[in-house]
PDB file of N, CA and C in Angstrom:
ATOM      1  N   ALA A   1       0.835  -1.214   0.011  1.00  0.00           N
ATOM      2  CA  ALA A   1      -0.047  -0.011  -0.020  1.00  0.00           C
ATOM      3  C   ALA A   1       0.900   1.255   0.004  1.00  0.00           C
ATOM      4  N   ASN A   2       1.990   1.194   0.688  1.00  0.00           N
ATOM      5  CA  ASN A   2       2.871   2.304   0.759  1.00  0.00           C
ATOM      6  C   ASN A   2       3.521   2.613  -0.568  1.00  0.00           C
ATOM      7  N   ALA A   3       3.902   1.578  -1.309  1.00  0.00           N
ATOM      8  CA  ALA A   3       4.486   1.692  -2.648  1.00  0.00           C
ATOM      9  C   ALA A   3       3.515   2.262  -3.645  1.00  0.00           C
ATOM     10  N   ARG A   4       2.235   1.780  -3.519  1.00  0.00           N
ATOM     11  CA  ARG A   4       1.200   2.262  -4.370  1.00  0.00           C
ATOM     12  C   ARG A   4       0.927   3.749  -4.139  1.00  0.00           C
ATOM     13  N   LEU A   5       0.997   4.195  -2.895  1.00  0.00           N
ATOM     14  CA  LEU A   5       0.800   5.605  -2.585  1.00  0.00           C
ATOM     15  C   LEU A   5       1.902   6.439  -3.172  1.00  0.00           C
ATOM     16  N   ARG A   6       3.197   5.982  -3.127  1.00  0.00           N
ATOM     17  CA  ARG A   6       4.315   6.676  -3.682  1.00  0.00           C
ATOM     18  C   ARG A   6       4.189   6.847  -5.209  1.00  0.00           C
ATOM     19  N   VAL A   7       3.727   5.748  -5.879  1.00  0.00           N
ATOM     20  CA  VAL A   7       3.510   5.793  -7.318  1.00  0.00           C
ATOM     21  C   VAL A   7       2.425   6.873  -7.653  1.00  0.00           C
ATOM     22  N   CYS A   8       1.397   6.776  -6.897  1.00  0.00           N
ATOM     23  CA  CYS A   8       0.255   7.740  -7.169  1.00  0.00           C
ATOM     24  C   CYS A   8       0.709   9.202  -6.975  1.00  0.00           C
ATOM     25  N   ALA A   9       1.503   9.388  -5.928  1.00  0.00           N
ATOM     26  CA  ALA A   9       2.036  10.783  -5.608  1.00  0.00           C
ATOM     27  C   ALA A   9       2.927  11.191  -6.785  1.00  0.00           C
ATOM     28  N   LEU A  10       3.784  10.263  -7.259  1.00  0.00           N
ATOM     29  CA  LEU A  10       4.697  10.592  -8.320  1.00  0.00           C
ATOM     30  C   LEU A  10       3.955  10.948  -9.611  1.00  0.00           C
ATOM     31  N   ASN A  11       2.949  10.113  -9.910  1.00  0.00           N
ATOM     32  CA  ASN A  11       2.155  10.377 -11.095  1.00  0.00           C
ATOM     33  C   ASN A  11       1.397  11.672 -11.024  1.00  0.00           C
ATOM     34  N   CYS A  12       0.860  12.013  -9.828  1.00  0.00           N
ATOM     35  CA  CYS A  12       0.137  13.316  -9.662  1.00  0.00           C
ATOM     36  C   CYS A  12       1.104  14.480  -9.833  1.00  0.00           C
ATOM     37  N   ALA A  13       2.328  14.324  -9.321  1.00  0.00           N
ATOM     38  CA  ALA A  13       3.329  15.398  -9.470  1.00  0.00           C
ATOM     39  C   ALA A  13       3.667  15.575 -10.936  1.00  0.00           C
ATOM     40  N   LEU A  14       3.849  14.481 -11.701  1.00  0.00           N
ATOM     41  CA  LEU A  14       4.157  14.616 -13.107  1.00  0.00           C
ATOM     42  C   LEU A  14       3.027  15.272 -13.867  1.00  0.00           C
ATOM     43  N   ILE A  15       1.813  14.878 -13.578  1.00  0.00           N
ATOM     44  CA  ILE A  15       0.664  15.502 -14.231  1.00  0.00           C
ATOM     45  C   ILE A  15       0.597  16.967 -13.969  1.00  0.00           C
ATOM     46  N   LEU A  16       0.799  17.406 -12.709  1.00  0.00           N
ATOM     47  CA  LEU A  16       0.730  18.884 -12.369  1.00  0.00           C
ATOM     48  C   LEU A  16       1.915  19.587 -13.081  1.00  0.00           C
ATOM     49  N   GLU A  17       3.055  18.986 -13.059  1.00  0.00           N
ATOM     50  CA  GLU A  17       4.276  19.635 -13.699  1.00  0.00           C
ATOM     51  C   GLU A  17       4.019  19.735 -15.185  1.00  0.00           C
ATOM     52  N   THR A  18       3.493  18.728 -15.836  1.00  0.00           N
ATOM     53  CA  THR A  18       3.292  18.720 -17.262  1.00  0.00           C
ATOM     54  C   THR A  18       2.205  19.818 -17.602  1.00  0.00           C
ATOM     55  N   ASP A  19       1.143  19.887 -16.770  1.00  0.00           N
ATOM     56  CA  ASP A  19       0.119  20.863 -16.967  1.00  0.00           C
ATOM     57  C   ASP A  19       0.625  22.294 -16.857  1.00  0.00           C
ATOM     58  N   ILE A  20       1.498  22.557 -15.896  1.00  0.00           N
ATOM     59  CA  ILE A  20       2.126  23.851 -15.699  1.00  0.00           C
ATOM     60  C   ILE A  20       3.011  24.218 -16.916  1.00  0.00           C
ATOM     61  N   SER A  21       3.807  23.231 -17.324  1.00  0.00           N
ATOM     62  CA  SER A  21       4.674  23.567 -18.402  1.00  0.00           C
ATOM     63  C   SER A  21       3.899  23.783 -19.774  1.00  0.00           C
ATOM     64  N   LEU A  22       2.785  23.088 -19.911  1.00  0.00           N
ATOM     65  CA  LEU A  22       1.999  23.364 -21.155  1.00  0.00           C
ATOM     66  C   LEU A  22       1.379  24.753 -21.113  1.00  0.00           C
ATOM     67  N   GLN A  23       0.950  25.220 -19.940  1.00  0.00           N
ATOM     68  CA  GLN A  23       0.365  26.526 -19.771  1.00  0.00           C
ATOM     69  C   GLN A  23       1.432  27.568 -20.128  1.00  0.00           C
ATOM     70  N   ASP A  24       2.636  27.346 -19.625  1.00  0.00           N
ATOM     71  CA  ASP A  24       3.799  28.270 -19.883  1.00  0.00           C
ATOM     72  C   ASP A  24       4.092  28.343 -21.392  1.00  0.00           C
ATOM     73  N   LYS A  25       4.013  27.240 -22.117  1.00  0.00           N
ATOM     74  CA  LYS A  25       4.296  27.249 -23.529  1.00  0.00           C
ATOM     75  C   LYS A  25       3.230  27.989 -24.298  1.00  0.00           C
ATOM     76  N   GLU A  26       1.936  27.791 -23.845  1.00  0.00           N
ATOM     77  CA  GLU A  26       0.900  28.502 -24.490  1.00  0.00           C
ATOM     78  C   GLU A  26       0.972  30.017 -24.316  1.00  0.00           C
ATOM     79  N   LYS A  27       1.390  30.462 -23.162  1.00  0.00           N
ATOM     80  CA  LYS A  27       1.581  31.870 -22.894  1.00  0.00           C
ATOM     81  C   LYS A  27       2.725  32.383 -23.747  1.00  0.00           C
ATOM     82  N   LYS A  28       3.817  31.641 -23.894  1.00  0.00           N
ATOM     83  CA  LYS A  28       4.906  32.109 -24.694  1.00  0.00           C
ATOM     84  C   LYS A  28       4.562  32.227 -26.180  1.00  0.00           C
ATOM     85  N   LYS A  29       3.694  31.360 -26.678  1.00  0.00           N
ATOM     86  CA  LYS A  29       3.288  31.388 -28.081  1.00  0.00           C
ATOM     87  C   LYS A  29       2.462  32.632 -28.412  1.00  0.00           C
ATOM     88  N   LYS A  30       1.736  33.103 -27.455  1.00  0.00           N
ATOM     89  CA  LYS A  30       0.817  34.279 -27.630  1.00  0.00           C
ATOM     90  C   LYS A  30       1.548  35.593 -27.628  1.00  0.00           C
ATOM     91  N   GLU A  31       2.702  35.632 -27.040  1.00  0.00           N
ATOM     92  CA  GLU A  31       3.456  36.884 -26.868  1.00  0.00           C
ATOM     93  C   GLU A  31       4.396  37.151 -28.009  1.00  0.00           C
ATOM     94  N   SER A  32       4.541  38.395 -28.366  1.00  0.00           N
ATOM     95  CA  SER A  32       5.521  38.793 -29.408  1.00  0.00           C
ATOM     96  C   SER A  32       6.268  40.040 -28.938  1.00  0.00           C
ATOM     97  N   ILE A  33       7.535  40.187 -29.318  1.00  0.00           N
ATOM     98  CA  ILE A  33       8.235  41.322 -28.880  1.00  0.00           C
ATOM     99  C   ILE A  33       7.911  42.554 -29.711  1.00  0.00           C
ATOM    100  N   PHE A  34       7.252  42.324 -30.803  1.00  0.00           N
ATOM    101  CA  PHE A  34       6.830  43.492 -31.656  1.00  0.00           C
ATOM    102  C   PHE A  34       5.361  43.779 -31.478  1.00  0.00           C
ATOM    103  N   ASP A  35       5.026  45.074 -31.387  1.00  0.00           N
ATOM    104  CA  ASP A  35       3.647  45.474 -31.337  1.00  0.00           C
ATOM    105  C   ASP A  35       3.366  46.285 -32.630  1.00  0.00           C
ATOM    106  N   LEU A  36       2.872  45.554 -33.596  1.00  0.00           N
ATOM    107  CA  LEU A  36       2.615  46.191 -34.908  1.00  0.00           C
ATOM    108  C   LEU A  36       1.174  46.801 -34.975  1.00  0.00           C
ATOM    109  N   SER A  37       0.451  46.701 -33.854  1.00  0.00           N
ATOM    110  CA  SER A  37      -0.977  47.202 -33.949  1.00  0.00           C
ATOM    111  C   SER A  37      -1.100  48.619 -34.295  1.00  0.00           C
ATOM    112  N   LYS A  38      -0.066  49.408 -33.974  1.00  0.00           N
ATOM    113  CA  LYS A  38      -0.112  50.855 -34.315  1.00  0.00           C
ATOM    114  C   LYS A  38       0.069  51.116 -35.753  1.00  0.00           C
ATOM    115  N   TYR A  39       0.533  50.118 -36.511  1.00  0.00           N
ATOM    116  CA  TYR A  39       0.719  50.269 -37.985  1.00  0.00           C
ATOM    117  C   TYR A  39      -0.444  49.672 -38.760  1.00  0.00           C
ATOM    118  N   ILE A  40      -1.479  49.136 -38.085  1.00  0.00           N
ATOM    119  CA  ILE A  40      -2.580  48.528 -38.802  1.00  0.00           C
ATOM    120  C   ILE A  40      -3.234  49.698 -39.664  1.00  0.00           C
ATOM    121  N   ASP A  41      -3.566  49.366 -40.884  1.00  0.00           N
ATOM    122  CA  ASP A  41      -4.199  50.294 -41.870  1.00  0.00           C
ATOM    123  C   ASP A  41      -3.289  51.460 -42.213  1.00  0.00           C
ATOM    124  N   LYS A  42      -1.961  51.249 -42.052  1.00  0.00           N
ATOM    125  CA  LYS A  42      -0.958  52.263 -42.438  1.00  0.00           C
ATOM    126  C   LYS A  42       0.027  51.627 -43.362  1.00  0.00           C
ATOM    127  N   PRO A  43       0.604  52.434 -44.248  1.00  0.00           N
ATOM    128  CA  PRO A  43       1.565  51.828 -45.199  1.00  0.00           C
ATOM    129  C   PRO A  43       2.909  51.541 -44.519  1.00  0.00           C
ATOM    130  N   ILE A  44       3.432  50.349 -44.790  1.00  0.00           N
ATOM    131  CA  ILE A  44       4.717  49.883 -44.256  1.00  0.00           C
ATOM    132  C   ILE A  44       5.609  49.413 -45.408  1.00  0.00           C
ATOM    133  N   ARG A  45       6.875  49.346 -45.148  1.00  0.00           N
ATOM    134  CA  ARG A  45       7.849  48.758 -46.115  1.00  0.00           C
ATOM    135  C   ARG A  45       8.421  47.541 -45.433  1.00  0.00           C
ATOM    136  N   VAL A  46       8.576  46.434 -46.247  1.00  0.00           N
ATOM    137  CA  VAL A  46       9.087  45.167 -45.725  1.00  0.00           C
ATOM    138  C   VAL A  46      10.228  44.713 -46.555  1.00  0.00           C
ATOM    139  N   LYS A  47      11.347  44.348 -45.889  1.00  0.00           N
ATOM    140  CA  LYS A  47      12.435  43.701 -46.582  1.00  0.00           C
ATOM    141  C   LYS A  47      12.498  42.250 -46.229  1.00  0.00           C
ATOM    142  N   PHE A  48      12.850  41.422 -47.227  1.00  0.00           N
ATOM    143  CA  PHE A  48      12.823  39.963 -47.010  1.00  0.00           C
ATOM    144  C   PHE A  48      14.239  39.441 -47.151  1.00  0.00           C
ATOM    145  N   GLN A  49      14.422  38.185 -46.626  1.00  0.00           N
ATOM    146  CA  GLN A  49      15.607  37.459 -46.922  1.00  0.00           C
ATOM    147  C   GLN A  49      15.810  37.288 -48.409  1.00  0.00           C
ATOM    148  N   GLY A  50      17.020  37.463 -48.923  1.00  0.00           N
ATOM    149  CA  GLY A  50      17.205  37.346 -50.338  1.00  0.00           C
ATOM    150  C   GLY A  50      17.156  38.660 -51.000  1.00  0.00           C
ATOM    151  N   GLY A  51      16.756  39.768 -50.298  1.00  0.00           N
ATOM    152  CA  GLY A  51      16.896  41.115 -50.879  1.00  0.00           C
ATOM    153  C   GLY A  51      15.519  41.718 -51.434  1.00  0.00           C
ATOM    154  N   ARG A  52      14.518  40.913 -51.569  1.00  0.00           N
ATOM    155  CA  ARG A  52      13.309  41.536 -52.043  1.00  0.00           C
ATOM    156  C   ARG A  52      12.706  42.572 -51.133  1.00  0.00           C
ATOM    157  N   GLU A  53      12.065  43.578 -51.746  1.00  0.00           N
ATOM    158  CA  GLU A  53      11.417  44.610 -50.893  1.00  0.00           C
ATOM    159  C   GLU A  53      10.026  44.858 -51.394  1.00  0.00           C
ATOM    160  N   ALA A  54       9.123  45.167 -50.510  1.00  0.00           N
ATOM    161  CA  ALA A  54       7.725  45.416 -50.883  1.00  0.00           C
ATOM    162  C   ALA A  54       7.111  46.458 -49.859  1.00  0.00           C
ATOM    163  N   SER A  55       6.077  47.103 -50.304  1.00  0.00           N
ATOM    164  CA  SER A  55       5.361  48.032 -49.453  1.00  0.00           C
ATOM    165  C   SER A  55       3.874  47.802 -49.649  1.00  0.00           C
ATOM    166  N   GLY A  56       3.115  48.075 -48.629  1.00  0.00           N
ATOM    167  CA  GLY A  56       1.707  47.949 -48.692  1.00  0.00           C
ATOM    168  C   GLY A  56       1.066  48.376 -47.423  1.00  0.00           C
ATOM    169  N   VAL A  57      -0.283  48.307 -47.328  1.00  0.00           N
ATOM    170  CA  VAL A  57      -0.984  48.696 -46.136  1.00  0.00           C
ATOM    171  C   VAL A  57      -1.139  47.441 -45.203  1.00  0.00           C
ATOM    172  N   LEU A  58      -0.635  47.554 -44.039  1.00  0.00           N
ATOM    173  CA  LEU A  58      -0.707  46.437 -43.067  1.00  0.00           C
ATOM    174  C   LEU A  58      -2.190  46.207 -42.697  1.00  0.00           C
ATOM    175  N   LYS A  59      -2.692  44.987 -42.938  1.00  0.00           N
ATOM    176  CA  LYS A  59      -4.035  44.659 -42.563  1.00  0.00           C
ATOM    177  C   LYS A  59      -4.085  43.725 -41.368  1.00  0.00           C
ATOM    178  N   GLY A  60      -3.038  42.989 -41.145  1.00  0.00           N
ATOM    179  CA  GLY A  60      -3.019  42.010 -40.047  1.00  0.00           C
ATOM    180  C   GLY A  60      -1.660  41.390 -39.835  1.00  0.00           C
ATOM    181  N   PHE A  61      -1.479  40.777 -38.641  1.00  0.00           N
ATOM    182  CA  PHE A  61      -0.245  40.109 -38.331  1.00  0.00           C
ATOM    183  C   PHE A  61      -0.453  39.145 -37.170  1.00  0.00           C
ATOM    184  N   ASP A  62       0.490  38.263 -36.935  1.00  0.00           N
ATOM    185  CA  ASP A  62       0.431  37.361 -35.797  1.00  0.00           C
ATOM    186  C   ASP A  62       1.742  37.375 -35.051  1.00  0.00           C
ATOM    187  N   PRO A  63       1.825  36.642 -33.909  1.00  0.00           N
ATOM    188  CA  PRO A  63       3.102  36.647 -33.168  1.00  0.00           C
ATOM    189  C   PRO A  63       4.295  36.153 -33.897  1.00  0.00           C
ATOM    190  N   LEU A  64       4.123  35.423 -34.951  1.00  0.00           N
ATOM    191  CA  LEU A  64       5.266  34.886 -35.697  1.00  0.00           C
ATOM    192  C   LEU A  64       5.698  35.842 -36.787  1.00  0.00           C
ATOM    193  N   LEU A  65       5.134  37.070 -36.813  1.00  0.00           N
ATOM    194  CA  LEU A  65       5.365  38.096 -37.775  1.00  0.00           C
ATOM    195  C   LEU A  65       4.924  37.779 -39.210  1.00  0.00           C
ATOM    196  N   ASN A  66       4.003  36.805 -39.351  1.00  0.00           N
ATOM    197  CA  ASN A  66       3.344  36.671 -40.617  1.00  0.00           C
ATOM    198  C   ASN A  66       2.507  37.935 -40.824  1.00  0.00           C
ATOM    199  N   LEU A  67       2.621  38.535 -42.007  1.00  0.00           N
ATOM    200  CA  LEU A  67       1.948  39.834 -42.261  1.00  0.00           C
ATOM    201  C   LEU A  67       0.965  39.676 -43.344  1.00  0.00           C
ATOM    202  N   VAL A  68      -0.121  40.432 -43.307  1.00  0.00           N
ATOM    203  CA  VAL A  68      -1.089  40.555 -44.408  1.00  0.00           C
ATOM    204  C   VAL A  68      -1.002  41.979 -44.903  1.00  0.00           C
ATOM    205  N   LEU A  69      -0.617  42.202 -46.125  1.00  0.00           N
ATOM    206  CA  LEU A  69      -0.489  43.516 -46.762  1.00  0.00           C
ATOM    207  C   LEU A  69      -1.454  43.624 -47.873  1.00  0.00           C
ATOM    208  N   ASP A  70      -2.106  44.783 -48.015  1.00  0.00           N
ATOM    209  CA  ASP A  70      -3.015  45.058 -49.111  1.00  0.00           C
ATOM    210  C   ASP A  70      -2.401  46.131 -50.004  1.00  0.00           C
ATOM    211  N   GLY A  71      -2.719  46.144 -51.254  1.00  0.00           N
ATOM    212  CA  GLY A  71      -2.235  47.105 -52.166  1.00  0.00           C
ATOM    213  C   GLY A  71      -0.686  47.072 -52.279  1.00  0.00           C
ATOM    214  N   THR A  72      -0.183  45.839 -52.225  1.00  0.00           N
ATOM    215  CA  THR A  72       1.284  45.613 -52.158  1.00  0.00           C
ATOM    216  C   THR A  72       1.977  45.927 -53.514  1.00  0.00           C
ATOM    217  N   ILE A  73       3.138  46.580 -53.396  1.00  0.00           N
ATOM    218  CA  ILE A  73       3.977  46.875 -54.522  1.00  0.00           C
ATOM    219  C   ILE A  73       5.338  46.251 -54.251  1.00  0.00           C
ATOM    220  N   GLU A  74       5.851  45.504 -55.191  1.00  0.00           N
ATOM    221  CA  GLU A  74       7.172  44.993 -55.028  1.00  0.00           C
ATOM    222  C   GLU A  74       8.207  45.860 -55.849  1.00  0.00           C
ATOM    223  N   TYR A  75       9.251  46.167 -55.221  1.00  0.00           N
ATOM    224  CA  TYR A  75      10.269  47.050 -55.864  1.00  0.00           C
ATOM    225  C   TYR A  75      11.334  46.048 -56.507  1.00  0.00           C
ATOM    226  N   MET A  76      11.452  46.154 -57.832  1.00  0.00           N
ATOM    227  CA  MET A  76      12.263  45.306 -58.581  1.00  0.00           C
ATOM    228  C   MET A  76      13.748  45.637 -58.453  1.00  0.00           C
ATOM    229  N   ARG A  77      14.603  44.620 -58.556  1.00  0.00           N
ATOM    230  CA  ARG A  77      16.071  44.813 -58.491  1.00  0.00           C
ATOM    231  C   ARG A  77      16.671  44.810 -59.883  1.00  0.00           C
ATOM    232  N   ASP A  78      17.809  45.414 -59.965  1.00  0.00           N
ATOM    233  CA  ASP A  78      18.604  45.471 -61.185  1.00  0.00           C
ATOM    234  C   ASP A  78      19.064  44.067 -61.551  1.00  0.00           C
ATOM    235  N   PRO A  79      18.773  43.510 -62.736  1.00  0.00           N
ATOM    236  CA  PRO A  79      19.199  42.159 -63.122  1.00  0.00           C
ATOM    237  C   PRO A  79      20.758  41.976 -63.164  1.00  0.00           C
ATOM    238  N   ASP A  80      21.475  43.115 -63.396  1.00  0.00           N
ATOM    239  CA  ASP A  80      22.945  43.058 -63.413  1.00  0.00           C
ATOM    240  C   ASP A  80      23.565  43.157 -62.035  1.00  0.00           C
ATOM    241  N   ASP A  81      22.893  43.903 -61.120  1.00  0.00           N
ATOM    242  CA  ASP A  81      23.358  44.060 -59.747  1.00  0.00           C
ATOM    243  C   ASP A  81      22.230  43.865 -58.819  1.00  0.00           C
ATOM    244  N   GLN A  82      22.119  42.676 -58.256  1.00  0.00           N
ATOM    245  CA  GLN A  82      20.968  42.347 -57.426  1.00  0.00           C
ATOM    246  C   GLN A  82      20.878  43.192 -56.105  1.00  0.00           C
ATOM    247  N   LEU A  83      21.871  43.907 -55.772  1.00  0.00           N
ATOM    248  CA  LEU A  83      21.880  44.743 -54.603  1.00  0.00           C
ATOM    249  C   LEU A  83      21.145  46.085 -54.872  1.00  0.00           C
ATOM    250  N   LYS A  84      21.049  46.480 -56.164  1.00  0.00           N
ATOM    251  CA  LYS A  84      20.508  47.797 -56.474  1.00  0.00           C
ATOM    252  C   LYS A  84      18.977  47.606 -56.764  1.00  0.00           C
ATOM    253  N   LEU A  85      18.199  48.536 -56.246  1.00  0.00           N
ATOM    254  CA  LEU A  85      16.780  48.605 -56.614  1.00  0.00           C
ATOM    255  C   LEU A  85      16.614  49.485 -57.886  1.00  0.00           C
ATOM    256  N   THR A  86      15.658  49.189 -58.731  1.00  0.00           N
ATOM    257  CA  THR A  86      15.453  50.015 -59.915  1.00  0.00           C
ATOM    258  C   THR A  86      14.124  50.812 -59.654  1.00  0.00           C
ATOM    259  N   GLU A  87      13.710  51.619 -60.586  1.00  0.00           N
ATOM    260  CA  GLU A  87      12.515  52.368 -60.503  1.00  0.00           C
ATOM    261  C   GLU A  87      11.291  51.502 -60.808  1.00  0.00           C
ATOM    262  N   ASP A  88      11.582  50.275 -61.383  1.00  0.00           N
ATOM    263  CA  ASP A  88      10.517  49.401 -61.807  1.00  0.00           C
ATOM    264  C   ASP A  88       9.787  48.782 -60.532  1.00  0.00           C
ATOM    265  N   THR A  89       8.469  48.693 -60.676  1.00  0.00           N
ATOM    266  CA  THR A  89       7.711  48.088 -59.596  1.00  0.00           C
ATOM    267  C   THR A  89       6.736  47.052 -60.170  1.00  0.00           C
ATOM    268  N   ARG A  90       6.189  46.229 -59.323  1.00  0.00           N
ATOM    269  CA  ARG A  90       5.207  45.182 -59.732  1.00  0.00           C
ATOM    270  C   ARG A  90       4.081  45.274 -58.740  1.00  0.00           C
ATOM    271  N   GLN A  91       2.814  45.384 -59.242  1.00  0.00           N
ATOM    272  CA  GLN A  91       1.671  45.374 -58.376  1.00  0.00           C
ATOM    273  C   GLN A  91       1.317  43.982 -57.992  1.00  0.00           C
ATOM    274  N   LEU A  92       1.201  43.701 -56.642  1.00  0.00           N
ATOM    275  CA  LEU A  92       0.950  42.344 -56.144  1.00  0.00           C
ATOM    276  C   LEU A  92      -0.471  42.252 -55.546  1.00  0.00           C
ATOM    277  N   GLY A  93      -0.999  43.407 -55.025  1.00  0.00           N
ATOM    278  CA  GLY A  93      -2.350  43.360 -54.470  1.00  0.00           C
ATOM    279  C   GLY A  93      -2.262  42.823 -52.990  1.00  0.00           C
ATOM    280  N   LEU A  94      -3.193  41.898 -52.696  1.00  0.00           N
ATOM    281  CA  LEU A  94      -3.269  41.363 -51.300  1.00  0.00           C
ATOM    282  C   LEU A  94      -2.271  40.296 -51.147  1.00  0.00           C
ATOM    283  N   VAL A  95      -1.346  40.354 -50.107  1.00  0.00           N
ATOM    284  CA  VAL A  95      -0.261  39.441 -49.994  1.00  0.00           C
ATOM    285  C   VAL A  95      -0.170  39.028 -48.566  1.00  0.00           C
ATOM    286  N   VAL A  96       0.187  37.711 -48.340  1.00  0.00           N
ATOM    287  CA  VAL A  96       0.523  37.177 -47.000  1.00  0.00           C
ATOM    288  C   VAL A  96       2.046  36.989 -47.047  1.00  0.00           C
ATOM    289  N   CYS A  97       2.767  37.644 -46.085  1.00  0.00           N
ATOM    290  CA  CYS A  97       4.200  37.577 -46.023  1.00  0.00           C
ATOM    291  C   CYS A  97       4.551  36.581 -44.845  1.00  0.00           C
ATOM    292  N   ARG A  98       5.350  35.608 -45.191  1.00  0.00           N
ATOM    293  CA  ARG A  98       5.733  34.634 -44.179  1.00  0.00           C
ATOM    294  C   ARG A  98       6.801  35.277 -43.219  1.00  0.00           C
ATOM    295  N   GLY A  99       6.474  35.167 -41.896  1.00  0.00           N
ATOM    296  CA  GLY A  99       7.260  35.885 -40.915  1.00  0.00           C
ATOM    297  C   GLY A  99       8.747  35.418 -40.878  1.00  0.00           C
ATOM    298  N   THR A 100       9.001  34.168 -41.171  1.00  0.00           N
ATOM    299  CA  THR A 100      10.399  33.730 -41.052  1.00  0.00           C
ATOM    300  C   THR A 100      11.282  34.353 -42.171  1.00  0.00           C
ATOM    301  N   SER A 101      10.712  34.831 -43.169  1.00  0.00           N
ATOM    302  CA  SER A 101      11.510  35.504 -44.263  1.00  0.00           C
ATOM    303  C   SER A 101      11.571  37.030 -44.099  1.00  0.00           C
ATOM    304  N   VAL A 102      10.891  37.588 -43.141  1.00  0.00           N
ATOM    305  CA  VAL A 102      10.876  39.055 -42.963  1.00  0.00           C
ATOM    306  C   VAL A 102      12.169  39.418 -42.217  1.00  0.00           C
ATOM    307  N   VAL A 103      12.891  40.395 -42.772  1.00  0.00           N
ATOM    308  CA  VAL A 103      14.139  40.901 -42.197  1.00  0.00           C
ATOM    309  C   VAL A 103      13.911  42.251 -41.507  1.00  0.00           C
ATOM    310  N   LEU A 104      13.109  43.110 -42.135  1.00  0.00           N
ATOM    311  CA  LEU A 104      12.914  44.445 -41.677  1.00  0.00           C
ATOM    312  C   LEU A 104      11.501  44.916 -41.934  1.00  0.00           C
ATOM    313  N   ILE A 105      10.881  45.632 -40.911  1.00  0.00           N
ATOM    314  CA  ILE A 105       9.620  46.236 -41.081  1.00  0.00           C
ATOM    315  C   ILE A 105       9.722  47.656 -40.657  1.00  0.00           C
ATOM    316  N   CYS A 106       9.307  48.624 -41.516  1.00  0.00           N
ATOM    317  CA  CYS A 106       9.345  50.013 -41.120  1.00  0.00           C
ATOM    318  C   CYS A 106       8.200  50.766 -41.758  1.00  0.00           C
ATOM    319  N   PRO A 107       7.880  51.907 -41.163  1.00  0.00           N
ATOM    320  CA  PRO A 107       6.782  52.704 -41.772  1.00  0.00           C
ATOM    321  C   PRO A 107       7.233  53.287 -43.063  1.00  0.00           C
ATOM    322  N   GLN A 108       6.299  53.378 -44.041  1.00  0.00           N
ATOM    323  CA  GLN A 108       6.693  53.867 -45.402  1.00  0.00           C
ATOM    324  C   GLN A 108       6.898  55.387 -45.344  1.00  0.00           C
ATOM    325  N   ASP A 109       6.183  56.103 -44.415  1.00  0.00           N
ATOM    326  CA  ASP A 109       6.376  57.525 -44.342  1.00  0.00           C
ATOM    327  C   ASP A 109       7.650  57.812 -43.681  1.00  0.00           C
ATOM    328  N   GLY A 110       8.446  58.752 -44.198  1.00  0.00           N
ATOM    329  CA  GLY A 110       9.680  59.177 -43.623  1.00  0.00           C
ATOM    330  C   GLY A 110      10.874  58.348 -43.950  1.00  0.00           C
ATOM    331  N   MET A 111      10.709  57.334 -44.852  1.00  0.00           N
ATOM    332  CA  MET A 111      11.758  56.480 -45.238  1.00  0.00           C
ATOM    333  C   MET A 111      12.465  57.053 -46.474  1.00  0.00           C
ATOM    334  N   GLU A 112      13.789  57.210 -46.414  1.00  0.00           N
ATOM    335  CA  GLU A 112      14.527  57.683 -47.569  1.00  0.00           C
ATOM    336  C   GLU A 112      15.845  56.944 -47.640  1.00  0.00           C
ATOM    337  N   ALA A 113      16.345  56.727 -48.806  1.00  0.00           N
ATOM    338  CA  ALA A 113      17.659  56.067 -49.012  1.00  0.00           C
ATOM    339  C   ALA A 113      18.764  57.067 -48.783  1.00  0.00           C
ATOM    340  N   ILE A 114      19.808  56.625 -48.121  1.00  0.00           N
ATOM    341  CA  ILE A 114      21.043  57.466 -47.923  1.00  0.00           C
ATOM    342  C   ILE A 114      22.195  56.775 -48.533  1.00  0.00           C
ATOM    343  N   PRO A 115      23.234  57.557 -48.875  1.00  0.00           N
ATOM    344  CA  PRO A 115      24.435  56.920 -49.376  1.00  0.00           C
ATOM    345  C   PRO A 115      25.107  56.134 -48.284  1.00  0.00           C
ATOM    346  N   ASN A 116      25.761  55.034 -48.721  1.00  0.00           N
ATOM    347  CA  ASN A 116      26.451  54.168 -47.770  1.00  0.00           C
ATOM    348  C   ASN A 116      27.719  54.831 -47.234  1.00  0.00           C
ATOM    349  N   PRO A 117      27.813  55.157 -45.970  1.00  0.00           N
ATOM    350  CA  PRO A 117      28.936  55.932 -45.392  1.00  0.00           C
ATOM    351  C   PRO A 117      30.188  55.054 -45.274  1.00  0.00           C
ATOM    352  N   PHE A 118      30.064  53.711 -45.455  1.00  0.00           N
ATOM    353  CA  PHE A 118      31.215  52.861 -45.280  1.00  0.00           C
ATOM    354  C   PHE A 118      31.947  52.553 -46.577  1.00  0.00           C
ATOM    355  N   ILE A 119      31.392  52.981 -47.718  1.00  0.00           N
ATOM    356  CA  ILE A 119      32.094  52.786 -48.978  1.00  0.00           C
ATOM    357  C   ILE A 119      33.010  53.939 -49.151  1.00  0.00           C
ATOM    358  N   GLN A 120      34.282  53.630 -49.398  1.00  0.00           N
ATOM    359  CA  GLN A 120      35.293  54.669 -49.608  1.00  0.00           C
ATOM    360  C   GLN A 120      35.262  55.098 -50.997  1.00  0.00           C
ATOM    361  N   GLN A 121      35.206  56.403 -51.152  1.00  0.00           N
ATOM    362  CA  GLN A 121      35.166  56.970 -52.511  1.00  0.00           C
ATOM    363  C   GLN A 121      36.568  56.895 -53.139  1.00  0.00           C
ATOM    364  N   GLN A 122      36.628  56.520 -54.347  1.00  0.00           N
ATOM    365  CA  GLN A 122      37.873  56.428 -55.065  1.00  0.00           C
ATOM    366  C   GLN A 122      38.177  57.630 -55.884  1.00  0.00           C
ATOM    367  N   ASP A 123      39.264  58.208 -55.816  1.00  0.00           N
ATOM    368  CA  ASP A 123      39.632  59.393 -56.576  1.00  0.00           C
ATOM    369  C   ASP A 123      39.893  58.995 -58.034  1.00  0.00           C
ATOM    370  N   GLY A 124      39.218  59.650 -58.965  1.00  0.00           N
ATOM    371  CA  GLY A 124      39.313  59.239 -60.275  1.00  0.00           C
ATOM    372  C   GLY A 124      40.199  60.081 -61.046  1.00  0.00           C
TER     373      GLY A 124
END
C-alpha cells in the first residue's frame, strides 16, 4: 500500500508539472516582442531574406510576424546588380508575407535612401 501511494504521488506530481509547463508554452506562443498594432491600416515597407522589398498597407499580423499587406507593390532589383533597386515596380495586391523571411519592417512615411557611409570613394 505504501509503494502504491508513492507511485500515485509521483504520477500526480508529473501531471501537475506537465500541466504547468503546457500553460507556460501556451503563454509564450501568444506573446511577441513586436507590437505592430499601431501600424494597422498604415503603409509599411518590408524587406525579405534574399533582398526583395515590398510596401503595402498592413491589414493584419500574428506573433510569428506573418503579415497581411493590401495594395502591395514589389520594388524590382537590377538584373545586373541584385543589390540595387530600380525604378520598376510590380503590383501584387493582397499578400501574405511569411514571418520567417521578414528581415525588416518600417513605416513607409519618412523612409529615404541614404548613401552608404562605409564605402570609400575612389579618386578618379
